Each structure stands twice: as C-alpha cells, then as structure tokens.
Amino acid sequence: GLMIGILADGGLFLRVDAGNRSAFERARFGPALGYTRQGRRIDLAYLRVPERLIDEPAEFLDWTRRAFE
C-alpha cells in the first residue's frame, strides 16, 4: 500500500515530502511530476531521478530508502 516511486513521462520519479525535499533538490532531482489543469500547473510530490543514478545501484538504493522514510 505504500508508493515511493512512479514510472511516467519516460522517467522514474521518487516521492518527496517536507522532510526530504531539500536533500533531493540539492542532489539535482527534478523536475516534479505534474500535470496541467484548467491552465494551471499542478506539481505532484514526486521528483525525477537523475539519469546518473541508473548506473549507480548503491547510491540509487540510498535515495529510495530516503523516499521510503
């Protein structure tokens, strides 16, 4: 029942919240997954995983644990 990631828009996104968002942004995660509704951008609480992490399994696992927390 817990969702920490989403595959969408050709990328992988991990869940963030007020407690971990700044760390993810400093690590250059982003942009946020979102959509447009009535001409207004709605960002969801998921940031795009940087491409470099796909080839770094240990670091990728660390970030997924942070998203899980």
PDB file of N, CA and C in Angstrom:
ATOM      1  N   GLY A   1       0.786  -1.202   0.000  1.00  0.00           N
ATOM      2  CA  GLY A   1       0.000   0.000   0.000  1.00  0.00           C
ATOM      3  C   GLY A   1       0.830   1.269   0.000  1.00  0.00           C
ATOM      4  N   LEU A   2       2.149   1.166   0.078  1.00  0.00           N
ATOM      5  CA  LEU A   2       2.981   2.367   0.103  1.00  0.00           C
ATOM      6  C   LEU A   2       3.632   2.555  -1.257  1.00  0.00           C
ATOM      7  N   MET A   3       3.457   3.728  -1.840  1.00  0.00           N
ATOM      8  CA  MET A   3       4.032   4.014  -3.144  1.00  0.00           C
ATOM      9  C   MET A   3       5.159   5.031  -2.977  1.00  0.00           C
ATOM     10  N   ILE A   4       6.386   4.624  -3.329  1.00  0.00           N
ATOM     11  CA  ILE A   4       7.519   5.544  -3.187  1.00  0.00           C
ATOM     12  C   ILE A   4       8.065   5.993  -4.536  1.00  0.00           C
ATOM     13  N   GLY A   5       7.563   5.427  -5.608  1.00  0.00           N
ATOM     14  CA  GLY A   5       8.053   5.797  -6.931  1.00  0.00           C
ATOM     15  C   GLY A   5       7.005   5.601  -7.998  1.00  0.00           C
ATOM     16  N   ILE A   6       7.225   6.302  -9.111  1.00  0.00           N
ATOM     17  CA  ILE A   6       6.328   6.222 -10.253  1.00  0.00           C
ATOM     18  C   ILE A   6       7.172   6.229 -11.530  1.00  0.00           C
ATOM     19  N   LEU A   7       6.816   5.374 -12.471  1.00  0.00           N
ATOM     20  CA  LEU A   7       7.373   5.441 -13.834  1.00  0.00           C
ATOM     21  C   LEU A   7       6.372   6.215 -14.678  1.00  0.00           C
ATOM     22  N   ALA A   8       6.806   7.359 -15.201  1.00  0.00           N
ATOM     23  CA  ALA A   8       5.911   8.191 -16.009  1.00  0.00           C
ATOM     24  C   ALA A   8       6.733   9.136 -16.864  1.00  0.00           C
ATOM     25  N   ASP A   9       6.145   9.602 -17.933  1.00  0.00           N
ATOM     26  CA  ASP A   9       6.781  10.589 -18.814  1.00  0.00           C
ATOM     27  C   ASP A   9       8.211  10.217 -19.186  1.00  0.00           C
ATOM     28  N   GLY A  10       8.458   8.935 -19.387  1.00  0.00           N
ATOM     29  CA  GLY A  10       9.778   8.484 -19.804  1.00  0.00           C
ATOM     30  C   GLY A  10      10.834   8.527 -18.716  1.00  0.00           C
ATOM     31  N   GLY A  11      10.427   8.593 -17.465  1.00  0.00           N
ATOM     32  CA  GLY A  11      11.400   8.644 -16.373  1.00  0.00           C
ATOM     33  C   GLY A  11      10.886   7.988 -15.108  1.00  0.00           C
ATOM     34  N   LEU A  12      11.768   7.917 -14.131  1.00  0.00           N
ATOM     35  CA  LEU A  12      11.438   7.381 -12.822  1.00  0.00           C
ATOM     36  C   LEU A  12      11.403   8.535 -11.833  1.00  0.00           C
ATOM     37  N   PHE A  13      10.382   8.568 -11.007  1.00  0.00           N
ATOM     38  CA  PHE A  13      10.195   9.629 -10.022  1.00  0.00           C
ATOM     39  C   PHE A  13      10.102   9.010  -8.632  1.00  0.00           C
ATOM     40  N   LEU A  14      10.749   9.641  -7.645  1.00  0.00           N
ATOM     41  CA  LEU A  14      10.666   9.187  -6.260  1.00  0.00           C
ATOM     42  C   LEU A  14       9.873  10.199  -5.439  1.00  0.00           C
ATOM     43  N   ARG A  15       9.159   9.676  -4.458  1.00  0.00           N
ATOM     44  CA  ARG A  15       8.306  10.505  -3.597  1.00  0.00           C
ATOM     45  C   ARG A  15       9.147  11.352  -2.658  1.00  0.00           C
ATOM     46  N   VAL A  16       8.735  12.593  -2.491  1.00  0.00           N
ATOM     47  CA  VAL A  16       9.382  13.504  -1.555  1.00  0.00           C
ATOM     48  C   VAL A  16       8.326  14.118  -0.648  1.00  0.00           C
ATOM     49  N   ASP A  17       8.792  14.645   0.484  1.00  0.00           N
ATOM     50  CA  ASP A  17       7.898  15.360   1.383  1.00  0.00           C
ATOM     51  C   ASP A  17       8.667  16.538   1.983  1.00  0.00           C
ATOM     52  N   ALA A  18       8.062  17.221   2.920  1.00  0.00           N
ATOM     53  CA  ALA A  18       8.702  18.398   3.515  1.00  0.00           C
ATOM     54  C   ALA A  18      10.014  18.044   4.205  1.00  0.00           C
ATOM     55  N   GLY A  19      10.136  16.818   4.696  1.00  0.00           N
ATOM     56  CA  GLY A  19      11.332  16.407   5.423  1.00  0.00           C
ATOM     57  C   GLY A  19      12.524  16.055   4.553  1.00  0.00           C
ATOM     58  N   ASN A  20      12.278  15.662   3.303  1.00  0.00           N
ATOM     59  CA  ASN A  20      13.403  15.244   2.465  1.00  0.00           C
ATOM     60  C   ASN A  20      13.518  15.997   1.132  1.00  0.00           C
ATOM     61  N   ARG A  21      12.565  16.832   0.824  1.00  0.00           N
ATOM     62  CA  ARG A  21      12.546  17.530  -0.475  1.00  0.00           C
ATOM     63  C   ARG A  21      13.830  18.317  -0.731  1.00  0.00           C
ATOM     64  N   SER A  22      14.328  19.055   0.253  1.00  0.00           N
ATOM     65  CA  SER A  22      15.516  19.882   0.014  1.00  0.00           C
ATOM     66  C   SER A  22      16.741  19.025  -0.302  1.00  0.00           C
ATOM     67  N   ALA A  23      16.880  17.873   0.349  1.00  0.00           N
ATOM     68  CA  ALA A  23      18.007  16.977   0.053  1.00  0.00           C
ATOM     69  C   ALA A  23      17.921  16.453  -1.380  1.00  0.00           C
ATOM     70  N   PHE A  24      16.727  16.100  -1.813  1.00  0.00           N
ATOM     71  CA  PHE A  24      16.537  15.613  -3.183  1.00  0.00           C
ATOM     72  C   PHE A  24      16.834  16.725  -4.191  1.00  0.00           C
ATOM     73  N   GLU A  25      16.396  17.935  -3.897  1.00  0.00           N
ATOM     74  CA  GLU A  25      16.653  19.051  -4.814  1.00  0.00           C
ATOM     75  C   GLU A  25      18.144  19.385  -4.878  1.00  0.00           C
ATOM     76  N   ARG A  26      18.834  19.341  -3.735  1.00  0.00           N
ATOM     77  CA  ARG A  26      20.283  19.591  -3.726  1.00  0.00           C
ATOM     78  C   ARG A  26      21.028  18.544  -4.556  1.00  0.00           C
ATOM     79  N   ALA A  27      20.502  17.319  -4.593  1.00  0.00           N
ATOM     80  CA  ALA A  27      21.116  16.236  -5.374  1.00  0.00           C
ATOM     81  C   ALA A  27      20.682  16.296  -6.846  1.00  0.00           C
ATOM     82  N   ARG A  28      20.017  17.353  -7.217  1.00  0.00           N
ATOM     83  CA  ARG A  28      19.584  17.612  -8.593  1.00  0.00           C
ATOM     84  C   ARG A  28      18.512  16.664  -9.100  1.00  0.00           C
ATOM     85  N   PHE A  29      17.638  16.229  -8.181  1.00  0.00           N
ATOM     86  CA  PHE A  29      16.430  15.528  -8.603  1.00  0.00           C
ATOM     87  C   PHE A  29      15.482  16.594  -9.152  1.00  0.00           C
ATOM     88  N   GLY A  30      14.621  16.186 -10.051  1.00  0.00           N
ATOM     89  CA  GLY A  30      13.643  17.129 -10.553  1.00  0.00           C
ATOM     90  C   GLY A  30      13.656  17.134 -12.057  1.00  0.00           C
ATOM     91  N   PRO A  31      12.739  17.695 -12.704  1.00  0.00           N
ATOM     92  CA  PRO A  31      11.607  18.430 -12.158  1.00  0.00           C
ATOM     93  C   PRO A  31      10.539  17.501 -11.591  1.00  0.00           C
ATOM     94  N   ALA A  32       9.575  18.116 -10.952  1.00  0.00           N
ATOM     95  CA  ALA A  32       8.484  17.358 -10.345  1.00  0.00           C
ATOM     96  C   ALA A  32       7.564  16.788 -11.417  1.00  0.00           C
ATOM     97  N   LEU A  33       7.002  15.640 -11.114  1.00  0.00           N
ATOM     98  CA  LEU A  33       5.955  15.063 -11.955  1.00  0.00           C
ATOM     99  C   LEU A  33       4.708  15.925 -11.758  1.00  0.00           C
ATOM    100  N   GLY A  34       4.038  16.228 -12.822  1.00  0.00           N
ATOM    101  CA  GLY A  34       2.847  17.059 -12.677  1.00  0.00           C
ATOM    102  C   GLY A  34       1.971  17.020 -13.908  1.00  0.00           C
ATOM    103  N   TYR A  35       0.962  17.845 -13.867  1.00  0.00           N
ATOM    104  CA  TYR A  35       0.024  17.939 -14.973  1.00  0.00           C
ATOM    105  C   TYR A  35      -0.563  19.356 -14.996  1.00  0.00           C
ATOM    106  N   THR A  36      -1.251  19.668 -16.070  1.00  0.00           N
ATOM    107  CA  THR A  36      -1.898  20.972 -16.194  1.00  0.00           C
ATOM    108  C   THR A  36      -3.401  20.781 -16.085  1.00  0.00           C
ATOM    109  N   ARG A  37      -4.009  21.606 -15.256  1.00  0.00           N
ATOM    110  CA  ARG A  37      -5.459  21.537 -15.066  1.00  0.00           C
ATOM    111  C   ARG A  37      -5.998  22.965 -15.128  1.00  0.00           C
ATOM    112  N   GLN A  38      -6.931  23.179 -15.999  1.00  0.00           N
ATOM    113  CA  GLN A  38      -7.538  24.498 -16.197  1.00  0.00           C
ATOM    114  C   GLN A  38      -6.463  25.571 -16.389  1.00  0.00           C
ATOM    115  N   GLY A  39      -5.432  25.219 -17.181  1.00  0.00           N
ATOM    116  CA  GLY A  39      -4.378  26.158 -17.492  1.00  0.00           C
ATOM    117  C   GLY A  39      -3.363  26.404 -16.381  1.00  0.00           C
ATOM    118  N   ARG A  40      -3.449  25.634 -15.324  1.00  0.00           N
ATOM    119  CA  ARG A  40      -2.554  25.821 -14.172  1.00  0.00           C
ATOM    120  C   ARG A  40      -1.730  24.559 -13.931  1.00  0.00           C
ATOM    121  N   ARG A  41      -0.440  24.714 -13.704  1.00  0.00           N
ATOM    122  CA  ARG A  41       0.464  23.580 -13.456  1.00  0.00           C
ATOM    123  C   ARG A  41       0.267  23.068 -12.036  1.00  0.00           C
ATOM    124  N   ILE A  42       0.063  21.756 -11.908  1.00  0.00           N
ATOM    125  CA  ILE A  42      -0.067  21.084 -10.613  1.00  0.00           C
ATOM    126  C   ILE A  42       1.123  20.136 -10.480  1.00  0.00           C
ATOM    127  N   ASP A  43       2.018  20.400  -9.529  1.00  0.00           N
ATOM    128  CA  ASP A  43       3.158  19.519  -9.285  1.00  0.00           C
ATOM    129  C   ASP A  43       2.807  18.507  -8.214  1.00  0.00           C
ATOM    130  N   LEU A  44       3.151  17.256  -8.474  1.00  0.00           N
ATOM    131  CA  LEU A  44       2.942  16.193  -7.503  1.00  0.00           C
ATOM    132  C   LEU A  44       4.194  16.037  -6.645  1.00  0.00           C
ATOM    133  N   ALA A  45       4.102  15.276  -5.591  1.00  0.00           N
ATOM    134  CA  ALA A  45       5.211  15.111  -4.642  1.00  0.00           C
ATOM    135  C   ALA A  45       6.187  14.022  -5.092  1.00  0.00           C
ATOM    136  N   TYR A  46       6.537  14.056  -6.376  1.00  0.00           N
ATOM    137  CA  TYR A  46       7.485  13.104  -6.952  1.00  0.00           C
ATOM    138  C   TYR A  46       8.487  13.875  -7.800  1.00  0.00           C
ATOM    139  N   LEU A  47       9.786  13.652  -7.557  1.00  0.00           N
ATOM    140  CA  LEU A  47      10.830  14.306  -8.332  1.00  0.00           C
ATOM    141  C   LEU A  47      11.538  13.293  -9.213  1.00  0.00           C
ATOM    142  N   ARG A  48      11.923  13.737 -10.412  1.00  0.00           N
ATOM    143  CA  ARG A  48      12.571  12.858 -11.392  1.00  0.00           C
ATOM    144  C   ARG A  48      13.956  12.445 -10.899  1.00  0.00           C
ATOM    145  N   VAL A  49      14.232  11.143 -10.983  1.00  0.00           N
ATOM    146  CA  VAL A  49      15.533  10.582 -10.629  1.00  0.00           C
ATOM    147  C   VAL A  49      16.550  10.998 -11.697  1.00  0.00           C
ATOM    148  N   PRO A  50      17.692  11.547 -11.291  1.00  0.00           N
ATOM    149  CA  PRO A  50      18.715  11.906 -12.288  1.00  0.00           C
ATOM    150  C   PRO A  50      19.207  10.662 -13.034  1.00  0.00           C
ATOM    151  N   GLU A  51      19.455  10.813 -14.318  1.00  0.00           N
ATOM    152  CA  GLU A  51      19.913   9.702 -15.163  1.00  0.00           C
ATOM    153  C   GLU A  51      21.162   9.021 -14.591  1.00  0.00           C
ATOM    154  N   ARG A  52      22.056   9.788 -13.982  1.00  0.00           N
ATOM    155  CA  ARG A  52      23.316   9.239 -13.476  1.00  0.00           C
ATOM    156  C   ARG A  52      23.096   8.147 -12.429  1.00  0.00           C
ATOM    157  N   LEU A  53      21.970   8.177 -11.718  1.00  0.00           N
ATOM    158  CA  LEU A  53      21.726   7.179 -10.671  1.00  0.00           C
ATOM    159  C   LEU A  53      21.364   5.810 -11.214  1.00  0.00           C
ATOM    160  N   ILE A  54      20.937   5.748 -12.447  1.00  0.00           N
ATOM    161  CA  ILE A  54      20.555   4.465 -13.038  1.00  0.00           C
ATOM    162  C   ILE A  54      21.758   3.520 -13.064  1.00  0.00           C
ATOM    163  N   ASP A  55      22.950   4.065 -13.214  1.00  0.00           N
ATOM    164  CA  ASP A  55      24.166   3.246 -13.260  1.00  0.00           C
ATOM    165  C   ASP A  55      24.915   3.222 -11.928  1.00  0.00           C
ATOM    166  N   GLU A  56      24.284   3.704 -10.861  1.00  0.00           N
ATOM    167  CA  GLU A  56      24.899   3.730  -9.528  1.00  0.00           C
ATOM    168  C   GLU A  56      23.962   3.044  -8.527  1.00  0.00           C
ATOM    169  N   PRO A  57      23.914   1.703  -8.538  1.00  0.00           N
ATOM    170  CA  PRO A  57      22.912   0.996  -7.722  1.00  0.00           C
ATOM    171  C   PRO A  57      22.995   1.289  -6.229  1.00  0.00           C
ATOM    172  N   ALA A  58      24.179   1.421  -5.665  1.00  0.00           N
ATOM    173  CA  ALA A  58      24.291   1.674  -4.216  1.00  0.00           C
ATOM    174  C   ALA A  58      23.712   3.041  -3.864  1.00  0.00           C
ATOM    175  N   GLU A  59      24.056   4.048  -4.650  1.00  0.00           N
ATOM    176  CA  GLU A  59      23.532   5.388  -4.385  1.00  0.00           C
ATOM    177  C   GLU A  59      22.029   5.448  -4.662  1.00  0.00           C
ATOM    178  N   PHE A  60      21.600   4.760  -5.725  1.00  0.00           N
ATOM    179  CA  PHE A  60      20.175   4.709  -6.042  1.00  0.00           C
ATOM    180  C   PHE A  60      19.393   4.097  -4.880  1.00  0.00           C
ATOM    181  N   LEU A  61      19.902   3.033  -4.314  1.00  0.00           N
ATOM    182  CA  LEU A  61      19.245   2.385  -3.182  1.00  0.00           C
ATOM    183  C   LEU A  61      19.157   3.328  -1.987  1.00  0.00           C
ATOM    184  N   ASP A  62      20.201   4.100  -1.744  1.00  0.00           N
ATOM    185  CA  ASP A  62      20.178   5.088  -0.656  1.00  0.00           C
ATOM    186  C   ASP A  62      19.047   6.086  -0.854  1.00  0.00           C
ATOM    187  N   TRP A  63      18.875   6.582  -2.066  1.00  0.00           N
ATOM    188  CA  TRP A  63      17.818   7.550  -2.321  1.00  0.00           C
ATOM    189  C   TRP A  63      16.433   6.913  -2.217  1.00  0.00           C
ATOM    190  N   THR A  64      16.289   5.667  -2.637  1.00  0.00           N
ATOM    191  CA  THR A  64      14.983   5.015  -2.498  1.00  0.00           C
ATOM    192  C   THR A  64      14.635   4.813  -1.027  1.00  0.00           C
ATOM    193  N   ARG A  65      15.639   4.528  -0.211  1.00  0.00           N
ATOM    194  CA  ARG A  65      15.387   4.418   1.232  1.00  0.00           C
ATOM    195  C   ARG A  65      14.935   5.758   1.808  1.00  0.00           C
ATOM    196  N   ARG A  66      15.549   6.835   1.357  1.00  0.00           N
ATOM    197  CA  ARG A  66      15.127   8.176   1.817  1.00  0.00           C
ATOM    198  C   ARG A  66      13.690   8.455   1.414  1.00  0.00           C
ATOM    199  N   ALA A  67      13.303   8.037   0.214  1.00  0.00           N
ATOM    200  CA  ALA A  67      11.926   8.238  -0.228  1.00  0.00           C
ATOM    201  C   ALA A  67      10.973   7.402   0.628  1.00  0.00           C
ATOM    202  N   PHE A  68      11.401   6.207   1.019  1.00  0.00           N
ATOM    203  CA  PHE A  68      10.578   5.319   1.839  1.00  0.00           C
ATOM    204  C   PHE A  68      10.353   5.887   3.239  1.00  0.00           C
ATOM    205  N   GLU A  69      11.393   6.522   3.792  1.00  0.00           N
ATOM    206  CA  GLU A  69      11.285   7.097   5.144  1.00  0.00           C
ATOM    207  C   GLU A  69      10.205   8.134   5.184  1.00  0.00           C
TER     208      GLU A  69
END
